[in-house]
């Protein structure tokens, strides 16, 4: 029986350590490919970069894009030494 791969959503951009413009390009690409909404997801220190990406897309490239919603949460992560750590998360939904 073939192994099932987890479904990856096409309209989600996960923010990491790359420069902001790499993620801006990813968001713009999603919109030009016809996605009505694009989710920008980030955790921890990358949250500020996610906000930067959303603002760069809105102000410089796609003025008709609006921030539809902002969701914040806390995830509990377990480290290798079995200690638990709370990590902040944020999801920005951009739409036309």
PDB file of N, CA and C in Angstrom:
ATOM      1  N   UNK A   1       0.849  -1.179   0.000  1.00  0.00           N
ATOM      2  CA  UNK A   1       0.000   0.000   0.000  1.00  0.00           C
ATOM      3  C   UNK A   1       0.896   1.245   0.000  1.00  0.00           C
ATOM      4  N   UNK A   2       0.658   2.218  -0.902  1.00  0.00           N
ATOM      5  CA  UNK A   2       1.503   3.417  -0.947  1.00  0.00           C
ATOM      6  C   UNK A   2       1.318   4.257   0.319  1.00  0.00           C
ATOM      7  N   UNK A   3       2.425   4.887   0.701  1.00  0.00           N
ATOM      8  CA  UNK A   3       2.409   5.714   1.903  1.00  0.00           C
ATOM      9  C   UNK A   3       1.677   7.023   1.615  1.00  0.00           C
ATOM     10  N   UNK A   4       0.779   7.424   2.518  1.00  0.00           N
ATOM     11  CA  UNK A   4       0.033   8.667   2.333  1.00  0.00           C
ATOM     12  C   UNK A   4       0.877   9.851   2.759  1.00  0.00           C
ATOM     13  N   UNK A   5       0.963  10.828   1.888  1.00  0.00           N
ATOM     14  CA  UNK A   5       1.693  12.050   2.230  1.00  0.00           C
ATOM     15  C   UNK A   5       0.715  13.040   2.844  1.00  0.00           C
ATOM     16  N   UNK A   6       1.176  13.817   3.833  1.00  0.00           N
ATOM     17  CA  UNK A   6       0.269  14.821   4.396  1.00  0.00           C
ATOM     18  C   UNK A   6      -0.068  15.869   3.342  1.00  0.00           C
ATOM     19  N   UNK A   7      -1.326  16.304   3.343  1.00  0.00           N
ATOM     20  CA  UNK A   7      -1.775  17.287   2.358  1.00  0.00           C
ATOM     21  C   UNK A   7      -1.153  18.652   2.685  1.00  0.00           C
ATOM     22  N   UNK A   8      -0.468  19.209   1.711  1.00  0.00           N
ATOM     23  CA  UNK A   8       0.141  20.524   1.874  1.00  0.00           C
ATOM     24  C   UNK A   8      -0.754  21.531   1.169  1.00  0.00           C
ATOM     25  N   UNK A   9      -1.153  22.550   1.893  1.00  0.00           N
ATOM     26  CA  UNK A   9      -2.009  23.570   1.297  1.00  0.00           C
ATOM     27  C   UNK A   9      -1.171  24.471   0.401  1.00  0.00           C
ATOM     28  N   UNK A  10      -1.664  24.718  -0.806  1.00  0.00           N
ATOM     29  CA  UNK A  10      -0.917  25.529  -1.754  1.00  0.00           C
ATOM     30  C   UNK A  10      -0.885  26.997  -1.379  1.00  0.00           C
ATOM     31  N   UNK A  11      -1.911  27.460  -0.688  1.00  0.00           N
ATOM     32  CA  UNK A  11      -2.001  28.890  -0.425  1.00  0.00           C
ATOM     33  C   UNK A  11      -1.424  29.282   0.938  1.00  0.00           C
ATOM     34  N   UNK A  12      -0.514  28.483   1.483  1.00  0.00           N
ATOM     35  CA  UNK A  12       0.105  28.793   2.771  1.00  0.00           C
ATOM     36  C   UNK A  12       1.582  29.077   2.556  1.00  0.00           C
ATOM     37  N   UNK A  13       2.057  30.193   3.142  1.00  0.00           N
ATOM     38  CA  UNK A  13       3.473  30.542   3.102  1.00  0.00           C
ATOM     39  C   UNK A  13       3.970  30.513   4.540  1.00  0.00           C
ATOM     40  N   UNK A  14       4.921  29.606   4.812  1.00  0.00           N
ATOM     41  CA  UNK A  14       5.497  29.490   6.146  1.00  0.00           C
ATOM     42  C   UNK A  14       6.738  30.368   6.220  1.00  0.00           C
ATOM     43  N   UNK A  15       6.766  31.250   7.212  1.00  0.00           N
ATOM     44  CA  UNK A  15       7.867  32.200   7.354  1.00  0.00           C
ATOM     45  C   UNK A  15       8.969  31.567   8.199  1.00  0.00           C
ATOM     46  N   UNK A  16      10.202  31.688   7.719  1.00  0.00           N
ATOM     47  CA  UNK A  16      11.355  31.152   8.431  1.00  0.00           C
ATOM     48  C   UNK A  16      12.472  32.166   8.502  1.00  0.00           C
ATOM     49  N   UNK A  17      13.670  31.737   8.132  1.00  0.00           N
ATOM     50  CA  UNK A  17      14.861  32.582   8.286  1.00  0.00           C
ATOM     51  C   UNK A  17      15.318  33.271   7.006  1.00  0.00           C
ATOM     52  N   UNK A  18      14.670  32.995   5.889  1.00  0.00           N
ATOM     53  CA  UNK A  18      15.072  33.622   4.628  1.00  0.00           C
ATOM     54  C   UNK A  18      14.790  35.127   4.684  1.00  0.00           C
ATOM     55  N   UNK A  19      15.369  35.882   3.755  1.00  0.00           N
ATOM     56  CA  UNK A  19      15.046  37.318   3.683  1.00  0.00           C
ATOM     57  C   UNK A  19      13.559  37.524   3.361  1.00  0.00           C
ATOM     58  N   UNK A  20      13.012  38.621   3.824  1.00  0.00           N
ATOM     59  CA  UNK A  20      11.588  38.914   3.655  1.00  0.00           C
ATOM     60  C   UNK A  20      11.144  38.870   2.197  1.00  0.00           C
ATOM     61  N   UNK A  21      11.980  39.353   1.296  1.00  0.00           N
ATOM     62  CA  UNK A  21      11.582  39.431  -0.106  1.00  0.00           C
ATOM     63  C   UNK A  21      11.356  38.038  -0.720  1.00  0.00           C
ATOM     64  N   UNK A  22      11.985  37.013  -0.193  1.00  0.00           N
ATOM     65  CA  UNK A  22      11.738  35.649  -0.683  1.00  0.00           C
ATOM     66  C   UNK A  22      10.295  35.252  -0.391  1.00  0.00           C
ATOM     67  N   UNK A  23       9.796  35.621   0.771  1.00  0.00           N
ATOM     68  CA  UNK A  23       8.417  35.301   1.145  1.00  0.00           C
ATOM     69  C   UNK A  23       7.427  36.208   0.427  1.00  0.00           C
ATOM     70  N   UNK A  24       7.812  37.466   0.193  1.00  0.00           N
ATOM     71  CA  UNK A  24       6.960  38.380  -0.575  1.00  0.00           C
ATOM     72  C   UNK A  24       6.728  37.802  -1.969  1.00  0.00           C
ATOM     73  N   UNK A  25       7.790  37.312  -2.591  1.00  0.00           N
ATOM     74  CA  UNK A  25       7.672  36.698  -3.917  1.00  0.00           C
ATOM     75  C   UNK A  25       6.754  35.485  -3.871  1.00  0.00           C
ATOM     76  N   UNK A  26       6.856  34.680  -2.821  1.00  0.00           N
ATOM     77  CA  UNK A  26       5.994  33.495  -2.687  1.00  0.00           C
ATOM     78  C   UNK A  26       4.524  33.898  -2.576  1.00  0.00           C
ATOM     79  N   UNK A  27       4.228  34.946  -1.814  1.00  0.00           N
ATOM     80  CA  UNK A  27       2.846  35.406  -1.657  1.00  0.00           C
ATOM     81  C   UNK A  27       2.314  35.941  -2.984  1.00  0.00           C
ATOM     82  N   UNK A  28       3.116  36.757  -3.659  1.00  0.00           N
ATOM     83  CA  UNK A  28       2.689  37.321  -4.945  1.00  0.00           C
ATOM     84  C   UNK A  28       2.452  36.203  -5.959  1.00  0.00           C
ATOM     85  N   UNK A  29       3.301  35.182  -5.949  1.00  0.00           N
ATOM     86  CA  UNK A  29       3.141  34.045  -6.849  1.00  0.00           C
ATOM     87  C   UNK A  29       1.821  33.329  -6.589  1.00  0.00           C
ATOM     88  N   UNK A  30       1.455  33.157  -5.334  1.00  0.00           N
ATOM     89  CA  UNK A  30       0.184  32.508  -5.004  1.00  0.00           C
ATOM     90  C   UNK A  30      -0.990  33.292  -5.574  1.00  0.00           C
ATOM     91  N   UNK A  31      -0.957  34.617  -5.411  1.00  0.00           N
ATOM     92  CA  UNK A  31      -2.048  35.439  -5.940  1.00  0.00           C
ATOM     93  C   UNK A  31      -2.085  35.400  -7.465  1.00  0.00           C
ATOM     94  N   UNK A  32      -0.934  35.437  -8.134  1.00  0.00           N
ATOM     95  CA  UNK A  32      -0.939  35.414  -9.598  1.00  0.00           C
ATOM     96  C   UNK A  32      -1.358  34.050 -10.135  1.00  0.00           C
ATOM     97  N   UNK A  33      -1.212  33.000  -9.323  1.00  0.00           N
ATOM     98  CA  UNK A  33      -1.679  31.668  -9.726  1.00  0.00           C
ATOM     99  C   UNK A  33      -3.161  31.477  -9.454  1.00  0.00           C
ATOM    100  N   UNK A  34      -3.845  32.503  -8.972  1.00  0.00           N
ATOM    101  CA  UNK A  34      -5.288  32.457  -8.833  1.00  0.00           C
ATOM    102  C   UNK A  34      -5.818  32.184  -7.439  1.00  0.00           C
ATOM    103  N   UNK A  35      -4.955  32.139  -6.436  1.00  0.00           N
ATOM    104  CA  UNK A  35      -5.427  31.893  -5.068  1.00  0.00           C
ATOM    105  C   UNK A  35      -6.220  33.115  -4.582  1.00  0.00           C
ATOM    106  N   UNK A  36      -7.444  32.913  -4.091  1.00  0.00           N
ATOM    107  CA  UNK A  36      -8.228  34.054  -3.598  1.00  0.00           C
ATOM    108  C   UNK A  36      -7.699  34.576  -2.259  1.00  0.00           C
ATOM    109  N   UNK A  37      -7.161  33.672  -1.444  1.00  0.00           N
ATOM    110  CA  UNK A  37      -6.593  34.031  -0.145  1.00  0.00           C
ATOM    111  C   UNK A  37      -5.237  33.362  -0.004  1.00  0.00           C
ATOM    112  N   UNK A  38      -4.327  34.025   0.719  1.00  0.00           N
ATOM    113  CA  UNK A  38      -3.023  33.443   1.034  1.00  0.00           C
ATOM    114  C   UNK A  38      -2.819  33.555   2.540  1.00  0.00           C
ATOM    115  N   UNK A  39      -2.444  32.440   3.163  1.00  0.00           N
ATOM    116  CA  UNK A  39      -2.173  32.428   4.597  1.00  0.00           C
ATOM    117  C   UNK A  39      -0.678  32.561   4.812  1.00  0.00           C
ATOM    118  N   UNK A  40      -0.287  33.459   5.707  1.00  0.00           N
ATOM    119  CA  UNK A  40       1.106  33.626   6.091  1.00  0.00           C
ATOM    120  C   UNK A  40       1.200  33.130   7.528  1.00  0.00           C
ATOM    121  N   UNK A  41       1.992  32.078   7.747  1.00  0.00           N
ATOM    122  CA  UNK A  41       2.100  31.493   9.076  1.00  0.00           C
ATOM    123  C   UNK A  41       3.524  31.650   9.600  1.00  0.00           C
ATOM    124  N   UNK A  42       3.625  31.974  10.891  1.00  0.00           N
ATOM    125  CA  UNK A  42       4.940  32.155  11.504  1.00  0.00           C
ATOM    126  C   UNK A  42       4.876  31.771  12.973  1.00  0.00           C
ATOM    127  N   UNK A  43       6.053  31.415  13.508  1.00  0.00           N
ATOM    128  CA  UNK A  43       6.179  31.092  14.929  1.00  0.00           C
ATOM    129  C   UNK A  43       7.361  31.856  15.510  1.00  0.00           C
ATOM    130  N   UNK A  44       7.235  32.196  16.788  1.00  0.00           N
ATOM    131  CA  UNK A  44       8.356  32.771  17.526  1.00  0.00           C
ATOM    132  C   UNK A  44       8.880  34.058  16.927  1.00  0.00           C
ATOM    133  N   UNK A  45      10.203  34.106  16.762  1.00  0.00           N
ATOM    134  CA  UNK A  45      10.864  35.329  16.279  1.00  0.00           C
ATOM    135  C   UNK A  45      10.510  35.675  14.835  1.00  0.00           C
ATOM    136  N   UNK A  46       9.982  34.715  14.089  1.00  0.00           N
ATOM    137  CA  UNK A  46       9.633  34.966  12.690  1.00  0.00           C
ATOM    138  C   UNK A  46       8.332  35.744  12.547  1.00  0.00           C
ATOM    139  N   UNK A  47       7.613  35.970  13.635  1.00  0.00           N
ATOM    140  CA  UNK A  47       6.337  36.697  13.559  1.00  0.00           C
ATOM    141  C   UNK A  47       6.550  38.107  13.023  1.00  0.00           C
ATOM    142  N   UNK A  48       7.604  38.778  13.464  1.00  0.00           N
ATOM    143  CA  UNK A  48       7.837  40.143  12.971  1.00  0.00           C
ATOM    144  C   UNK A  48       8.137  40.137  11.473  1.00  0.00           C
ATOM    145  N   UNK A  49       8.819  39.117  10.983  1.00  0.00           N
ATOM    146  CA  UNK A  49       9.084  39.016   9.547  1.00  0.00           C
ATOM    147  C   UNK A  49       7.783  38.776   8.787  1.00  0.00           C
ATOM    148  N   UNK A  50       6.865  38.005   9.371  1.00  0.00           N
ATOM    149  CA  UNK A  50       5.571  37.754   8.723  1.00  0.00           C
ATOM    150  C   UNK A  50       4.787  39.049   8.566  1.00  0.00           C
ATOM    151  N   UNK A  51       4.813  39.883   9.581  1.00  0.00           N
ATOM    152  CA  UNK A  51       4.136  41.179   9.503  1.00  0.00           C
ATOM    153  C   UNK A  51       4.786  42.037   8.421  1.00  0.00           C
ATOM    154  N   UNK A  52       6.111  42.034   8.368  1.00  0.00           N
ATOM    155  CA  UNK A  52       6.825  42.784   7.331  1.00  0.00           C
ATOM    156  C   UNK A  52       6.418  42.312   5.942  1.00  0.00           C
ATOM    157  N   UNK A  53       6.338  41.003   5.746  1.00  0.00           N
ATOM    158  CA  UNK A  53       5.968  40.443   4.444  1.00  0.00           C
ATOM    159  C   UNK A  53       4.570  40.903   4.049  1.00  0.00           C
ATOM    160  N   UNK A  54       3.631  40.820   4.965  1.00  0.00           N
ATOM    161  CA  UNK A  54       2.254  41.237   4.662  1.00  0.00           C
ATOM    162  C   UNK A  54       2.200  42.713   4.291  1.00  0.00           C
ATOM    163  N   UNK A  55       2.922  43.534   5.021  1.00  0.00           N
ATOM    164  CA  UNK A  55       2.901  44.973   4.744  1.00  0.00           C
ATOM    165  C   UNK A  55       3.603  45.316   3.432  1.00  0.00           C
ATOM    166  N   UNK A  56       4.693  44.627   3.108  1.00  0.00           N
ATOM    167  CA  UNK A  56       5.380  44.872   1.834  1.00  0.00           C
ATOM    168  C   UNK A  56       4.474  44.488   0.671  1.00  0.00           C
ATOM    169  N   UNK A  57       3.798  43.347   0.784  1.00  0.00           N
ATOM    170  CA  UNK A  57       2.882  42.922  -0.284  1.00  0.00           C
ATOM    171  C   UNK A  57       1.781  43.950  -0.457  1.00  0.00           C
ATOM    172  N   UNK A  58       1.176  44.376   0.649  1.00  0.00           N
ATOM    173  CA  UNK A  58       0.047  45.307   0.587  1.00  0.00           C
ATOM    174  C   UNK A  58       0.439  46.692   0.090  1.00  0.00           C
ATOM    175  N   UNK A  59       1.550  47.199   0.553  1.00  0.00           N
ATOM    176  CA  UNK A  59       1.897  48.601   0.263  1.00  0.00           C
ATOM    177  C   UNK A  59       2.684  48.797  -1.023  1.00  0.00           C
ATOM    178  N   UNK A  60       3.556  47.851  -1.389  1.00  0.00           N
ATOM    179  CA  UNK A  60       4.417  48.052  -2.545  1.00  0.00           C
ATOM    180  C   UNK A  60       3.945  47.355  -3.809  1.00  0.00           C
ATOM    181  N   UNK A  61       3.346  46.161  -3.673  1.00  0.00           N
ATOM    182  CA  UNK A  61       3.100  45.339  -4.854  1.00  0.00           C
ATOM    183  C   UNK A  61       1.630  45.171  -5.214  1.00  0.00           C
ATOM    184  N   UNK A  62       0.801  44.785  -4.277  1.00  0.00           N
ATOM    185  CA  UNK A  62      -0.605  44.506  -4.575  1.00  0.00           C
ATOM    186  C   UNK A  62      -1.486  45.361  -3.665  1.00  0.00           C
ATOM    187  N   UNK A  63      -1.786  46.578  -4.117  1.00  0.00           N
ATOM    188  CA  UNK A  63      -2.549  47.501  -3.281  1.00  0.00           C
ATOM    189  C   UNK A  63      -3.984  47.050  -3.037  1.00  0.00           C
ATOM    190  N   UNK A  64      -4.506  46.150  -3.884  1.00  0.00           N
ATOM    191  CA  UNK A  64      -5.887  45.685  -3.701  1.00  0.00           C
ATOM    192  C   UNK A  64      -5.991  44.541  -2.683  1.00  0.00           C
ATOM    193  N   UNK A  65      -4.880  44.082  -2.140  1.00  0.00           N
ATOM    194  CA  UNK A  65      -4.889  43.002  -1.145  1.00  0.00           C
ATOM    195  C   UNK A  65      -5.124  43.592   0.242  1.00  0.00           C
ATOM    196  N   UNK A  66      -5.994  42.943   0.984  1.00  0.00           N
ATOM    197  CA  UNK A  66      -6.327  43.379   2.353  1.00  0.00           C
ATOM    198  C   UNK A  66      -5.985  42.261   3.340  1.00  0.00           C
ATOM    199  N   UNK A  67      -5.753  42.638   4.579  1.00  0.00           N
ATOM    200  CA  UNK A  67      -5.580  41.653   5.640  1.00  0.00           C
ATOM    201  C   UNK A  67      -6.976  41.284   6.119  1.00  0.00           C
ATOM    202  N   UNK A  68      -7.389  40.046   5.859  1.00  0.00           N
ATOM    203  CA  UNK A  68      -8.740  39.603   6.225  1.00  0.00           C
ATOM    204  C   UNK A  68      -8.837  39.224   7.690  1.00  0.00           C
ATOM    205  N   UNK A  69      -7.808  38.543   8.206  1.00  0.00           N
ATOM    206  CA  UNK A  69      -7.840  38.169   9.617  1.00  0.00           C
ATOM    207  C   UNK A  69      -6.437  37.936  10.144  1.00  0.00           C
ATOM    208  N   UNK A  70      -6.317  38.045  11.463  1.00  0.00           N
ATOM    209  CA  UNK A  70      -5.078  37.780  12.176  1.00  0.00           C
ATOM    210  C   UNK A  70      -5.429  36.840  13.323  1.00  0.00           C
ATOM    211  N   UNK A  71      -4.801  35.679  13.340  1.00  0.00           N
ATOM    212  CA  UNK A  71      -5.032  34.714  14.415  1.00  0.00           C
ATOM    213  C   UNK A  71      -3.733  34.519  15.176  1.00  0.00           C
ATOM    214  N   UNK A  72      -3.813  34.636  16.495  1.00  0.00           N
ATOM    215  CA  UNK A  72      -2.640  34.391  17.329  1.00  0.00           C
ATOM    216  C   UNK A  72      -2.929  33.246  18.276  1.00  0.00           C
ATOM    217  N   UNK A  73      -1.889  32.505  18.609  1.00  0.00           N
ATOM    218  CA  UNK A  73      -2.046  31.353  19.497  1.00  0.00           C
ATOM    219  C   UNK A  73      -0.701  31.027  20.134  1.00  0.00           C
ATOM    220  N   UNK A  74      -0.723  30.035  21.002  1.00  0.00           N
ATOM    221  CA  UNK A  74       0.494  29.530  21.621  1.00  0.00           C
ATOM    222  C   UNK A  74       0.530  28.025  21.441  1.00  0.00           C
ATOM    223  N   UNK A  75       1.660  27.528  20.957  1.00  0.00           N
ATOM    224  CA  UNK A  75       1.870  26.090  20.813  1.00  0.00           C
ATOM    225  C   UNK A  75       2.812  25.629  21.914  1.00  0.00           C
ATOM    226  N   UNK A  76       2.559  24.439  22.416  1.00  0.00           N
ATOM    227  CA  UNK A  76       3.471  23.864  23.393  1.00  0.00           C
ATOM    228  C   UNK A  76       4.388  22.898  22.653  1.00  0.00           C
ATOM    229  N   UNK A  77       5.685  23.177  22.655  1.00  0.00           N
ATOM    230  CA  UNK A  77       6.675  22.343  21.967  1.00  0.00           C
ATOM    231  C   UNK A  77       7.469  21.555  22.995  1.00  0.00           C
ATOM    232  N   UNK A  78       7.754  20.310  22.673  1.00  0.00           N
ATOM    233  CA  UNK A  78       8.573  19.488  23.570  1.00  0.00           C
ATOM    234  C   UNK A  78       9.982  19.411  23.001  1.00  0.00           C
ATOM    235  N   UNK A  79      10.971  19.790  23.806  1.00  0.00           N
ATOM    236  CA  UNK A  79      12.367  19.750  23.376  1.00  0.00           C
ATOM    237  C   UNK A  79      12.926  18.344  23.543  1.00  0.00           C
ATOM    238  N   UNK A  80      14.162  18.144  23.050  1.00  0.00           N
ATOM    239  CA  UNK A  80      14.779  16.821  23.125  1.00  0.00           C
ATOM    240  C   UNK A  80      14.942  16.325  24.555  1.00  0.00           C
ATOM    241  N   UNK A  81      15.179  17.233  25.485  1.00  0.00           N
ATOM    242  CA  UNK A  81      15.360  16.824  26.880  1.00  0.00           C
ATOM    243  C   UNK A  81      14.033  16.720  27.630  1.00  0.00           C
ATOM    244  N   UNK A  82      12.938  16.631  26.869  1.00  0.00           N
ATOM    245  CA  UNK A  82      11.576  16.426  27.391  1.00  0.00           C
ATOM    246  C   UNK A  82      10.998  17.628  28.134  1.00  0.00           C
ATOM    247  N   UNK A  83      11.667  18.779  28.083  1.00  0.00           N
ATOM    248  CA  UNK A  83      11.080  19.974  28.690  1.00  0.00           C
ATOM    249  C   UNK A  83      10.108  20.592  27.697  1.00  0.00           C
ATOM    250  N   UNK A  84       9.109  21.268  28.220  1.00  0.00           N
ATOM    251  CA  UNK A  84       8.089  21.875  27.362  1.00  0.00           C
ATOM    252  C   UNK A  84       8.342  23.371  27.257  1.00  0.00           C
ATOM    253  N   UNK A  85       8.080  23.881  26.072  1.00  0.00           N
ATOM    254  CA  UNK A  85       8.339  25.285  25.771  1.00  0.00           C
ATOM    255  C   UNK A  85       7.118  25.851  25.060  1.00  0.00           C
ATOM    256  N   UNK A  86       6.665  27.017  25.471  1.00  0.00           N
ATOM    257  CA  UNK A  86       5.558  27.688  24.791  1.00  0.00           C
ATOM    258  C   UNK A  86       6.113  28.568  23.680  1.00  0.00           C
ATOM    259  N   UNK A  87       5.533  28.434  22.484  1.00  0.00           N
ATOM    260  CA  UNK A  87       5.965  29.217  21.330  1.00  0.00           C
ATOM    261  C   UNK A  87       4.751  29.942  20.769  1.00  0.00           C
ATOM    262  N   UNK A  88       4.881  31.239  20.578  1.00  0.00           N
ATOM    263  CA  UNK A  88       3.802  32.032  20.002  1.00  0.00           C
ATOM    264  C   UNK A  88       3.695  31.745  18.507  1.00  0.00           C
ATOM    265  N   UNK A  89       2.452  31.742  17.995  1.00  0.00           N
ATOM    266  CA  UNK A  89       2.227  31.548  16.564  1.00  0.00           C
ATOM    267  C   UNK A  89       1.269  32.623  16.060  1.00  0.00           C
ATOM    268  N   UNK A  90       1.374  32.911  14.768  1.00  0.00           N
ATOM    269  CA  UNK A  90       0.482  33.892  14.168  1.00  0.00           C
ATOM    270  C   UNK A  90       0.176  33.473  12.736  1.00  0.00           C
ATOM    271  N   UNK A  91      -1.081  33.644  12.352  1.00  0.00           N
ATOM    272  CA  UNK A  91      -1.514  33.393  10.986  1.00  0.00           C
ATOM    273  C   UNK A  91      -2.200  34.647  10.469  1.00  0.00           C
ATOM    274  N   UNK A  92      -1.683  35.162   9.362  1.00  0.00           N
ATOM    275  CA  UNK A  92      -2.284  36.318   8.687  1.00  0.00           C
ATOM    276  C   UNK A  92      -2.969  35.805   7.422  1.00  0.00           C
ATOM    277  N   UNK A  93      -4.208  36.190   7.216  1.00  0.00           N
ATOM    278  CA  UNK A  93      -4.912  35.810   5.996  1.00  0.00           C
ATOM    279  C   UNK A  93      -5.035  37.048   5.116  1.00  0.00           C
ATOM    280  N   UNK A  94      -4.401  36.974   3.942  1.00  0.00           N
ATOM    281  CA  UNK A  94      -4.468  38.062   2.974  1.00  0.00           C
ATOM    282  C   UNK A  94      -5.435  37.660   1.876  1.00  0.00           C
ATOM    283  N   UNK A  95      -6.240  38.608   1.431  1.00  0.00           N
ATOM    284  CA  UNK A  95      -7.189  38.322   0.359  1.00  0.00           C
ATOM    285  C   UNK A  95      -7.466  39.538  -0.477  1.00  0.00           C
ATOM    286  N   UNK A  96      -7.965  39.292  -1.684  1.00  0.00           N
ATOM    287  CA  UNK A  96      -8.285  40.401  -2.596  1.00  0.00           C
ATOM    288  C   UNK A  96      -9.709  40.865  -2.381  1.00  0.00           C
TER     289      UNK A  96
END
